[in-house]
Amino acid sequence: MKESKSLRCFVDTNVFLYGFISQDQKKKEIAKSLLKKNEVVVSTQIINEVLANIFKKGDKSQFSEEKAMKLIASFYRKYEVVELDKKLMKEACILRKVYQFSFWDGLIVSAALRSTCKILYSEDMHDGLEVEGVLKIVNPFKEEK
């Protein structure tokens, strides 16, 4: 019997990077738990950013092209992937204007909205912001005070 996932959510690049290559054990545990227990949605942009960062920051001798191709296949096997297209890019421009996102963050938020997720996990965006009344941005690493 397949384990049921608790929440359908969109996950930003930084969560994957903490889960994959971080030296910060606390953030690594939070990221891995979030990815394991939830129904995760990503976009092709997230996959591209993860790979670019691993190639840039990771141990080049340990991360070969073959491992990169396996990681890409793993994303498509484990998660729902939203493909970027012209309509999504235009929506990102509108979101950028309304919410003052960078274009890249606008693309992520636009993909999250398209996926009908209610939560977007990101360390880098406006924690607590509700977009279009349906999507809430949450920083999963935020320390409670």
N, C-alpha and C. Protein backbone atom coordinates (compact mmCIF):
# COMPACT_ATOMS: atom_id res chain seq x y z
N MET A 1 0.83 -1.18 0.00
CA MET A 1 0.00 0.00 0.00
C MET A 1 0.88 1.25 0.00
N LYS A 2 0.59 2.19 -0.92
CA LYS A 2 1.37 3.40 -1.05
C LYS A 2 1.05 4.37 0.08
N GLU A 3 2.09 4.96 0.66
CA GLU A 3 1.92 5.93 1.75
C GLU A 3 1.24 7.18 1.20
N SER A 4 0.21 7.66 1.91
CA SER A 4 -0.47 8.86 1.44
C SER A 4 0.32 10.10 1.87
N LYS A 5 0.38 11.07 0.99
CA LYS A 5 1.11 12.30 1.27
C LYS A 5 0.18 13.29 1.93
N SER A 6 0.73 14.10 2.83
CA SER A 6 -0.12 14.96 3.64
C SER A 6 -0.57 16.25 2.95
N LEU A 7 0.26 16.82 2.09
CA LEU A 7 -0.06 18.13 1.53
C LEU A 7 0.50 18.24 0.12
N ARG A 8 -0.32 18.79 -0.78
CA ARG A 8 0.15 19.07 -2.14
C ARG A 8 0.78 20.45 -2.10
N CYS A 9 2.06 20.54 -2.44
CA CYS A 9 2.76 21.82 -2.32
C CYS A 9 3.77 21.99 -3.44
N PHE A 10 4.05 23.23 -3.75
CA PHE A 10 5.08 23.57 -4.73
C PHE A 10 6.35 23.87 -3.95
N VAL A 11 7.49 23.39 -4.44
CA VAL A 11 8.74 23.52 -3.70
C VAL A 11 9.79 24.26 -4.53
N ASP A 12 10.38 25.28 -3.93
CA ASP A 12 11.40 26.10 -4.58
C ASP A 12 12.76 25.41 -4.53
N THR A 13 13.65 25.88 -5.35
CA THR A 13 14.99 25.32 -5.51
C THR A 13 15.74 25.17 -4.20
N ASN A 14 15.70 26.19 -3.35
CA ASN A 14 16.52 26.17 -2.13
C ASN A 14 16.18 25.00 -1.22
N VAL A 15 14.94 24.56 -1.22
CA VAL A 15 14.56 23.41 -0.38
C VAL A 15 15.28 22.16 -0.87
N PHE A 16 15.30 21.95 -2.17
CA PHE A 16 16.02 20.79 -2.72
C PHE A 16 17.51 20.88 -2.43
N LEU A 17 18.08 22.07 -2.57
CA LEU A 17 19.52 22.21 -2.33
C LEU A 17 19.87 21.91 -0.88
N TYR A 18 19.04 22.36 0.05
CA TYR A 18 19.28 22.01 1.46
C TYR A 18 19.17 20.50 1.65
N GLY A 19 18.23 19.88 0.99
CA GLY A 19 18.06 18.44 1.11
C GLY A 19 19.18 17.65 0.46
N PHE A 20 19.77 18.18 -0.61
CA PHE A 20 20.77 17.44 -1.37
C PHE A 20 22.21 17.72 -0.94
N ILE A 21 22.58 19.01 -0.79
CA ILE A 21 24.00 19.32 -0.63
C ILE A 21 24.34 20.22 0.55
N SER A 22 23.40 20.50 1.41
CA SER A 22 23.67 21.42 2.52
C SER A 22 24.52 20.78 3.60
N GLN A 23 25.33 21.59 4.22
CA GLN A 23 26.09 21.18 5.39
C GLN A 23 25.33 21.51 6.67
N ASP A 24 24.27 22.30 6.54
CA ASP A 24 23.43 22.67 7.69
C ASP A 24 22.48 21.50 7.98
N GLN A 25 22.78 20.72 9.00
CA GLN A 25 22.01 19.50 9.28
C GLN A 25 20.56 19.78 9.62
N LYS A 26 20.29 20.85 10.35
CA LYS A 26 18.91 21.17 10.71
C LYS A 26 18.07 21.46 9.46
N LYS A 27 18.60 22.30 8.58
CA LYS A 27 17.88 22.63 7.35
C LYS A 27 17.77 21.41 6.44
N LYS A 28 18.82 20.60 6.43
CA LYS A 28 18.80 19.38 5.61
C LYS A 28 17.67 18.45 6.08
N GLU A 29 17.52 18.27 7.39
CA GLU A 29 16.46 17.42 7.93
C GLU A 29 15.07 17.97 7.62
N ILE A 30 14.90 19.29 7.76
CA ILE A 30 13.62 19.92 7.46
C ILE A 30 13.28 19.71 5.98
N ALA A 31 14.24 19.95 5.11
CA ALA A 31 14.02 19.80 3.66
C ALA A 31 13.67 18.37 3.31
N LYS A 32 14.42 17.42 3.81
CA LYS A 32 14.17 16.01 3.49
C LYS A 32 12.80 15.57 3.99
N SER A 33 12.42 16.00 5.17
CA SER A 33 11.11 15.65 5.72
C SER A 33 9.99 16.24 4.86
N LEU A 34 10.14 17.50 4.49
CA LEU A 34 9.13 18.17 3.66
C LEU A 34 8.97 17.45 2.33
N LEU A 35 10.08 17.06 1.71
CA LEU A 35 10.02 16.38 0.41
C LEU A 35 9.44 14.98 0.53
N LYS A 36 9.68 14.32 1.64
CA LYS A 36 9.21 12.95 1.82
C LYS A 36 7.72 12.87 2.15
N LYS A 37 7.25 13.77 3.00
CA LYS A 37 5.89 13.63 3.52
C LYS A 37 4.81 14.33 2.68
N ASN A 38 5.22 15.12 1.70
CA ASN A 38 4.25 15.89 0.92
C ASN A 38 4.19 15.45 -0.54
N GLU A 39 3.08 15.77 -1.18
CA GLU A 39 2.93 15.59 -2.62
C GLU A 39 3.55 16.83 -3.27
N VAL A 40 4.74 16.68 -3.81
CA VAL A 40 5.55 17.80 -4.27
C VAL A 40 5.34 18.07 -5.76
N VAL A 41 5.23 19.35 -6.08
CA VAL A 41 5.15 19.82 -7.46
C VAL A 41 6.33 20.77 -7.68
N VAL A 42 6.94 20.66 -8.86
CA VAL A 42 8.05 21.55 -9.25
C VAL A 42 7.81 22.01 -10.68
N SER A 43 8.66 22.91 -11.12
CA SER A 43 8.61 23.30 -12.53
C SER A 43 9.95 22.95 -13.17
N THR A 44 9.98 23.02 -14.49
CA THR A 44 11.25 22.75 -15.19
C THR A 44 12.30 23.77 -14.75
N GLN A 45 11.89 24.98 -14.41
CA GLN A 45 12.82 25.98 -13.90
C GLN A 45 13.51 25.50 -12.63
N ILE A 46 12.75 24.89 -11.72
CA ILE A 46 13.32 24.40 -10.46
C ILE A 46 14.36 23.32 -10.76
N ILE A 47 14.03 22.40 -11.64
CA ILE A 47 14.98 21.34 -11.99
C ILE A 47 16.26 21.95 -12.56
N ASN A 48 16.12 22.92 -13.46
CA ASN A 48 17.28 23.59 -14.06
C ASN A 48 18.14 24.27 -12.99
N GLU A 49 17.48 24.97 -12.06
CA GLU A 49 18.22 25.69 -11.02
C GLU A 49 18.93 24.72 -10.07
N VAL A 50 18.27 23.63 -9.73
CA VAL A 50 18.91 22.63 -8.87
C VAL A 50 20.17 22.10 -9.53
N LEU A 51 20.05 21.70 -10.79
CA LEU A 51 21.21 21.17 -11.51
C LEU A 51 22.32 22.21 -11.63
N ALA A 52 21.98 23.43 -11.99
CA ALA A 52 22.99 24.48 -12.15
C ALA A 52 23.74 24.71 -10.84
N ASN A 53 23.00 24.72 -9.73
CA ASN A 53 23.63 24.93 -8.42
C ASN A 53 24.48 23.74 -7.99
N ILE A 54 24.03 22.54 -8.26
CA ILE A 54 24.83 21.37 -7.90
C ILE A 54 26.12 21.34 -8.72
N PHE A 55 26.02 21.66 -10.02
CA PHE A 55 27.23 21.71 -10.85
C PHE A 55 28.17 22.81 -10.35
N LYS A 56 27.61 23.93 -9.92
CA LYS A 56 28.41 25.08 -9.50
C LYS A 56 29.02 24.87 -8.10
N LYS A 57 28.20 24.38 -7.15
CA LYS A 57 28.62 24.31 -5.76
C LYS A 57 29.07 22.93 -5.31
N GLY A 58 28.60 21.91 -6.00
CA GLY A 58 28.89 20.54 -5.58
C GLY A 58 30.30 20.10 -5.94
N ASP A 59 30.64 18.94 -5.49
CA ASP A 59 31.93 18.33 -5.79
C ASP A 59 31.87 17.82 -7.23
N LYS A 60 32.59 18.49 -8.11
CA LYS A 60 32.54 18.18 -9.55
C LYS A 60 32.98 16.75 -9.85
N SER A 61 33.87 16.21 -9.04
CA SER A 61 34.31 14.83 -9.28
C SER A 61 33.23 13.82 -8.89
N GLN A 62 32.28 14.24 -8.05
CA GLN A 62 31.24 13.34 -7.59
C GLN A 62 29.94 13.45 -8.39
N PHE A 63 29.78 14.54 -9.15
CA PHE A 63 28.51 14.75 -9.86
C PHE A 63 28.76 14.77 -11.36
N SER A 64 28.64 13.63 -11.98
CA SER A 64 28.89 13.45 -13.41
C SER A 64 27.63 13.75 -14.22
N GLU A 65 27.80 13.79 -15.53
CA GLU A 65 26.65 13.98 -16.43
C GLU A 65 25.66 12.83 -16.27
N GLU A 66 26.15 11.65 -16.04
CA GLU A 66 25.26 10.49 -15.84
C GLU A 66 24.41 10.68 -14.59
N LYS A 67 25.03 11.19 -13.51
CA LYS A 67 24.27 11.44 -12.28
C LYS A 67 23.25 12.56 -12.50
N ALA A 68 23.63 13.55 -13.30
CA ALA A 68 22.70 14.64 -13.61
C ALA A 68 21.47 14.10 -14.35
N MET A 69 21.70 13.23 -15.32
CA MET A 69 20.57 12.65 -16.07
C MET A 69 19.69 11.79 -15.16
N LYS A 70 20.30 11.09 -14.23
CA LYS A 70 19.52 10.29 -13.27
C LYS A 70 18.70 11.20 -12.36
N LEU A 71 19.28 12.33 -11.96
CA LEU A 71 18.56 13.27 -11.12
C LEU A 71 17.35 13.86 -11.86
N ILE A 72 17.54 14.19 -13.12
CA ILE A 72 16.44 14.71 -13.94
C ILE A 72 15.32 13.67 -14.01
N ALA A 73 15.68 12.43 -14.31
CA ALA A 73 14.68 11.36 -14.38
C ALA A 73 13.98 11.18 -13.05
N SER A 74 14.72 11.32 -11.96
CA SER A 74 14.16 11.18 -10.62
C SER A 74 13.11 12.27 -10.34
N PHE A 75 13.40 13.50 -10.76
CA PHE A 75 12.42 14.58 -10.57
C PHE A 75 11.11 14.23 -11.28
N TYR A 76 11.21 13.76 -12.51
CA TYR A 76 10.01 13.45 -13.28
C TYR A 76 9.29 12.22 -12.74
N ARG A 77 10.01 11.32 -12.13
CA ARG A 77 9.40 10.11 -11.57
C ARG A 77 8.71 10.40 -10.23
N LYS A 78 9.33 11.21 -9.39
CA LYS A 78 8.85 11.43 -8.03
C LYS A 78 7.84 12.56 -7.90
N TYR A 79 7.93 13.56 -8.77
CA TYR A 79 7.15 14.78 -8.60
C TYR A 79 6.37 15.13 -9.86
N GLU A 80 5.31 15.88 -9.66
CA GLU A 80 4.61 16.47 -10.80
C GLU A 80 5.46 17.64 -11.29
N VAL A 81 5.66 17.74 -12.60
CA VAL A 81 6.50 18.79 -13.16
C VAL A 81 5.65 19.70 -14.05
N VAL A 82 5.65 20.99 -13.74
CA VAL A 82 4.96 21.99 -14.56
C VAL A 82 5.96 22.50 -15.59
N GLU A 83 5.60 22.36 -16.86
CA GLU A 83 6.46 22.81 -17.95
C GLU A 83 6.25 24.31 -18.17
N LEU A 84 7.34 25.03 -18.41
CA LEU A 84 7.24 26.46 -18.70
C LEU A 84 6.78 26.64 -20.15
N ASP A 85 5.88 27.59 -20.37
CA ASP A 85 5.40 27.89 -21.72
C ASP A 85 5.13 29.39 -21.83
N LYS A 86 4.70 29.82 -22.99
CA LYS A 86 4.48 31.24 -23.24
C LYS A 86 3.44 31.84 -22.29
N LYS A 87 2.34 31.14 -22.07
CA LYS A 87 1.29 31.65 -21.19
C LYS A 87 1.81 31.82 -19.76
N LEU A 88 2.56 30.85 -19.28
CA LEU A 88 3.10 30.94 -17.92
C LEU A 88 4.07 32.11 -17.80
N MET A 89 4.88 32.35 -18.83
CA MET A 89 5.82 33.47 -18.80
C MET A 89 5.08 34.81 -18.79
N LYS A 90 3.99 34.91 -19.54
CA LYS A 90 3.20 36.15 -19.53
C LYS A 90 2.56 36.35 -18.15
N GLU A 91 2.07 35.27 -17.55
CA GLU A 91 1.50 35.37 -16.21
C GLU A 91 2.55 35.80 -15.20
N ALA A 92 3.78 35.33 -15.38
CA ALA A 92 4.89 35.73 -14.50
C ALA A 92 5.13 37.23 -14.59
N CYS A 93 5.01 37.80 -15.78
CA CYS A 93 5.18 39.24 -15.95
C CYS A 93 4.11 40.02 -15.19
N ILE A 94 2.89 39.53 -15.24
CA ILE A 94 1.79 40.19 -14.52
C ILE A 94 2.03 40.09 -13.01
N LEU A 95 2.41 38.91 -12.54
CA LEU A 95 2.69 38.74 -11.10
C LEU A 95 3.85 39.63 -10.67
N ARG A 96 4.85 39.75 -11.52
CA ARG A 96 6.00 40.60 -11.23
C ARG A 96 5.55 42.04 -11.00
N LYS A 97 4.66 42.50 -11.84
CA LYS A 97 4.18 43.87 -11.73
C LYS A 97 3.33 44.05 -10.46
N VAL A 98 2.43 43.12 -10.21
CA VAL A 98 1.50 43.25 -9.08
C VAL A 98 2.20 43.06 -7.73
N TYR A 99 3.10 42.07 -7.64
CA TYR A 99 3.69 41.71 -6.35
C TYR A 99 5.17 42.10 -6.22
N GLN A 100 5.72 42.77 -7.21
CA GLN A 100 7.13 43.17 -7.21
C GLN A 100 8.09 41.98 -7.06
N PHE A 101 7.73 40.85 -7.65
CA PHE A 101 8.64 39.70 -7.70
C PHE A 101 9.72 39.96 -8.74
N SER A 102 10.84 39.26 -8.62
CA SER A 102 11.77 39.21 -9.74
C SER A 102 11.08 38.39 -10.83
N PHE A 103 11.57 38.46 -12.04
CA PHE A 103 10.96 37.67 -13.11
C PHE A 103 11.04 36.18 -12.77
N TRP A 104 12.19 35.75 -12.24
CA TRP A 104 12.39 34.32 -11.93
C TRP A 104 11.43 33.86 -10.84
N ASP A 105 11.23 34.68 -9.81
CA ASP A 105 10.27 34.32 -8.76
C ASP A 105 8.85 34.35 -9.31
N GLY A 106 8.58 35.29 -10.22
CA GLY A 106 7.27 35.33 -10.87
C GLY A 106 6.98 34.05 -11.63
N LEU A 107 8.00 33.50 -12.29
CA LEU A 107 7.83 32.22 -12.99
C LEU A 107 7.49 31.09 -12.01
N ILE A 108 8.17 31.08 -10.88
CA ILE A 108 7.93 30.04 -9.87
C ILE A 108 6.51 30.17 -9.32
N VAL A 109 6.11 31.38 -8.98
CA VAL A 109 4.77 31.59 -8.43
C VAL A 109 3.71 31.28 -9.48
N SER A 110 3.94 31.66 -10.71
CA SER A 110 3.00 31.36 -11.79
C SER A 110 2.83 29.85 -11.96
N ALA A 111 3.94 29.12 -11.92
CA ALA A 111 3.87 27.65 -12.03
C ALA A 111 3.15 27.05 -10.83
N ALA A 112 3.39 27.59 -9.65
CA ALA A 112 2.70 27.10 -8.44
C ALA A 112 1.20 27.34 -8.54
N LEU A 113 0.81 28.50 -9.03
CA LEU A 113 -0.61 28.79 -9.21
C LEU A 113 -1.24 27.84 -10.23
N ARG A 114 -0.54 27.59 -11.32
CA ARG A 114 -1.05 26.69 -12.34
C ARG A 114 -1.25 25.28 -11.77
N SER A 115 -0.39 24.88 -10.87
CA SER A 115 -0.45 23.53 -10.30
C SER A 115 -1.57 23.38 -9.27
N THR A 116 -2.24 24.45 -8.94
CA THR A 116 -3.32 24.52 -7.95
C THR A 116 -2.85 24.16 -6.54
N CYS A 117 -1.57 24.33 -6.28
CA CYS A 117 -1.07 24.13 -4.91
C CYS A 117 -1.52 25.32 -4.06
N LYS A 118 -1.71 25.07 -2.78
CA LYS A 118 -2.09 26.13 -1.84
C LYS A 118 -0.88 26.69 -1.11
N ILE A 119 0.24 25.93 -1.12
CA ILE A 119 1.46 26.33 -0.41
C ILE A 119 2.64 26.29 -1.38
N LEU A 120 3.47 27.32 -1.31
CA LEU A 120 4.75 27.37 -2.02
C LEU A 120 5.82 27.48 -0.95
N TYR A 121 6.65 26.45 -0.81
CA TYR A 121 7.74 26.48 0.16
C TYR A 121 8.96 27.11 -0.48
N SER A 122 9.42 28.21 0.13
CA SER A 122 10.60 28.91 -0.37
C SER A 122 11.25 29.68 0.77
N GLU A 123 12.55 29.63 0.83
CA GLU A 123 13.28 30.41 1.82
C GLU A 123 13.50 31.83 1.32
N ASP A 124 13.47 32.01 0.01
CA ASP A 124 13.90 33.27 -0.60
C ASP A 124 12.79 34.27 -0.92
N MET A 125 11.55 33.89 -0.77
CA MET A 125 10.46 34.80 -1.14
C MET A 125 9.80 35.36 0.11
N HIS A 126 8.75 36.09 -0.08
CA HIS A 126 8.05 36.82 0.98
C HIS A 126 7.24 35.86 1.86
N ASP A 127 7.82 35.43 2.97
CA ASP A 127 7.17 34.49 3.87
C ASP A 127 5.82 35.05 4.33
N GLY A 128 4.78 34.24 4.19
CA GLY A 128 3.45 34.63 4.63
C GLY A 128 2.61 35.34 3.58
N LEU A 129 3.21 35.73 2.47
CA LEU A 129 2.47 36.43 1.42
C LEU A 129 1.44 35.49 0.79
N GLU A 130 0.23 35.98 0.63
CA GLU A 130 -0.81 35.24 -0.09
C GLU A 130 -0.94 35.85 -1.48
N VAL A 131 -0.83 35.00 -2.48
CA VAL A 131 -0.87 35.43 -3.87
C VAL A 131 -2.21 35.03 -4.47
N GLU A 132 -2.90 36.03 -5.03
CA GLU A 132 -4.18 35.81 -5.69
C GLU A 132 -5.22 35.19 -4.75
N GLY A 133 -4.99 35.27 -3.46
CA GLY A 133 -5.93 34.73 -2.48
C GLY A 133 -5.96 33.21 -2.41
N VAL A 134 -5.04 32.52 -3.12
CA VAL A 134 -5.09 31.06 -3.14
C VAL A 134 -3.76 30.38 -2.82
N LEU A 135 -2.66 31.09 -2.94
CA LEU A 135 -1.33 30.50 -2.74
C LEU A 135 -0.60 31.25 -1.64
N LYS A 136 -0.14 30.51 -0.63
CA LYS A 136 0.60 31.13 0.46
C LYS A 136 2.07 30.71 0.38
N ILE A 137 2.95 31.71 0.46
CA ILE A 137 4.38 31.45 0.46
C ILE A 137 4.82 31.21 1.90
N VAL A 138 5.50 30.09 2.13
CA VAL A 138 5.93 29.69 3.47
C VAL A 138 7.41 29.37 3.47
N ASN A 139 8.13 29.97 4.41
CA ASN A 139 9.55 29.65 4.61
C ASN A 139 9.62 28.50 5.61
N PRO A 140 9.95 27.28 5.15
CA PRO A 140 9.95 26.14 6.06
C PRO A 140 11.11 26.17 7.06
N PHE A 141 12.08 27.06 6.85
CA PHE A 141 13.25 27.13 7.72
C PHE A 141 13.18 28.28 8.72
N LYS A 142 12.09 29.03 8.69
CA LYS A 142 11.94 30.18 9.57
C LYS A 142 11.90 29.73 11.02
N GLU A 143 12.72 30.36 11.82
CA GLU A 143 12.75 30.06 13.27
C GLU A 143 11.55 30.69 13.94
N GLU A 144 10.85 29.92 14.74
CA GLU A 144 9.73 30.46 15.52
C GLU A 144 10.29 31.26 16.68
N LYS A 145 9.68 32.40 16.93
CA LYS A 145 10.17 33.27 18.03
C LYS A 145 9.28 33.15 19.23
